[in-house]
Amino acid sequence: MPPGLGRPVLAVPAINPVRCFALSFYGPHVSGTDLDFYERSMLAKLASHAAAMYAELESAALRGRIAELEGELKSQEASKGQVHGDLRA
């Protein structure tokens, strides 16, 4: 973490009811370190949307990996079927 005024004064978690995906760190304001109600509300909404996007990206990546593995499995099964078919002839 940076020293002095560059040091974060607030960490906002990007979470859903199941897990924490990330933390966003925020530094102090020019006129002080207090955040008003509207800023806190905005950061909470932003964190909620960020968590939803992290979950969606993770889900899309996992769906892609599953499709890739299923394709590899089908290819291996097809190769085995050809080998067994050749042995019977």
Protein backbone atom coordinates (compact mmCIF):
# COMPACT_ATOMS: atom_id res chain seq x y z
CA MET A 1 0.00 0.00 0.00
CA PRO A 2 1.22 3.50 -0.73
CA PRO A 3 2.23 5.64 2.24
CA GLY A 4 0.71 8.93 3.39
CA LEU A 5 -2.22 10.47 1.54
CA GLY A 6 -2.02 7.83 -1.18
CA ARG A 7 -2.97 5.14 1.33
CA PRO A 8 -6.54 3.86 0.88
CA VAL A 9 -9.02 4.87 3.55
CA LEU A 10 -11.90 2.68 2.40
CA ALA A 11 -12.21 -0.84 1.02
CA VAL A 12 -15.49 -1.78 -0.68
CA PRO A 13 -16.04 -5.51 -1.22
CA ALA A 14 -17.58 -6.75 -4.48
CA ILE A 15 -19.67 -9.54 -2.98
CA ASN A 16 -22.74 -11.59 -3.52
CA PRO A 17 -24.47 -13.68 -0.84
CA VAL A 18 -22.03 -16.54 -1.46
CA ARG A 19 -18.55 -15.03 -1.83
CA CYS A 20 -16.31 -12.01 -2.14
CA PHE A 21 -14.90 -11.53 -5.63
CA ALA A 22 -12.72 -8.46 -5.13
CA LEU A 23 -11.99 -5.38 -3.05
CA SER A 24 -11.91 -1.83 -4.37
CA PHE A 25 -9.68 0.55 -2.46
CA TYR A 26 -10.39 4.27 -2.31
CA GLY A 27 -8.16 7.08 -1.09
CA PRO A 28 -9.02 10.22 0.84
CA HIS A 29 -10.90 13.20 -0.57
CA VAL A 30 -9.15 16.48 -1.21
CA SER A 31 -11.18 18.08 1.59
CA GLY A 32 -11.04 15.14 4.01
CA THR A 33 -11.56 11.43 4.32
CA ASP A 34 -15.31 11.32 5.01
CA LEU A 35 -17.69 9.92 2.45
CA ASP A 36 -21.23 11.19 2.51
CA PHE A 37 -24.38 9.05 2.31
CA TYR A 38 -24.68 9.40 -1.47
CA GLU A 39 -21.08 8.37 -2.08
CA ARG A 40 -21.41 5.33 0.18
CA SER A 41 -24.66 4.38 -1.55
CA MET A 42 -23.09 4.73 -4.99
CA LEU A 43 -20.08 2.60 -3.97
CA ALA A 44 -22.36 -0.10 -2.53
CA LYS A 45 -24.34 -0.25 -5.80
CA LEU A 46 -21.15 -0.30 -7.83
CA ALA A 47 -19.79 -3.15 -5.70
CA SER A 48 -23.01 -5.11 -6.12
CA HIS A 49 -22.92 -4.71 -9.91
CA ALA A 50 -19.21 -5.60 -9.97
CA ALA A 51 -19.88 -8.81 -8.03
CA ALA A 52 -22.61 -9.77 -10.50
CA MET A 53 -20.24 -9.19 -13.43
CA TYR A 54 -17.42 -11.18 -11.78
CA ALA A 55 -19.87 -14.06 -11.26
CA GLU A 56 -21.10 -13.84 -14.87
CA LEU A 57 -17.56 -13.78 -16.28
CA GLU A 58 -16.56 -16.73 -14.12
CA SER A 59 -19.67 -18.64 -15.19
CA ALA A 60 -19.02 -17.92 -18.89
CA ALA A 61 -15.41 -19.06 -18.54
CA LEU A 62 -16.49 -22.29 -16.84
CA ARG A 63 -19.17 -22.96 -19.48
CA GLY A 64 -16.53 -22.46 -22.17
CA ARG A 65 -14.13 -24.84 -20.44
CA ILE A 66 -16.87 -27.47 -20.04
CA ALA A 67 -17.70 -27.23 -23.75
CA GLU A 68 -14.00 -27.57 -24.58
CA LEU A 69 -13.61 -30.66 -22.38
CA GLU A 70 -16.80 -32.20 -23.76
CA GLY A 71 -15.41 -31.72 -27.28
CA GLU A 72 -12.15 -33.40 -26.30
CA LEU A 73 -14.06 -36.31 -24.74
CA LYS A 74 -16.19 -36.80 -27.87
CA SER A 75 -13.05 -36.73 -30.00
CA GLN A 76 -11.38 -39.35 -27.81
CA GLU A 77 -14.50 -41.52 -27.84
CA ALA A 78 -14.69 -41.26 -31.64
CA SER A 79 -11.02 -42.25 -31.91
CA LYS A 80 -11.56 -45.26 -29.65
CA GLY A 81 -14.61 -46.28 -31.69
CA GLN A 82 -12.57 -46.21 -34.88
CA VAL A 83 -9.81 -48.30 -33.30
CA HIS A 84 -12.30 -50.88 -32.01
CA GLY A 85 -14.08 -50.90 -35.38
CA ASP A 86 -10.79 -51.60 -37.17
CA LEU A 87 -10.00 -54.52 -34.86
CA ARG A 88 -13.31 -56.22 -35.60
CA ALA A 89 -12.77 -56.14 -39.37
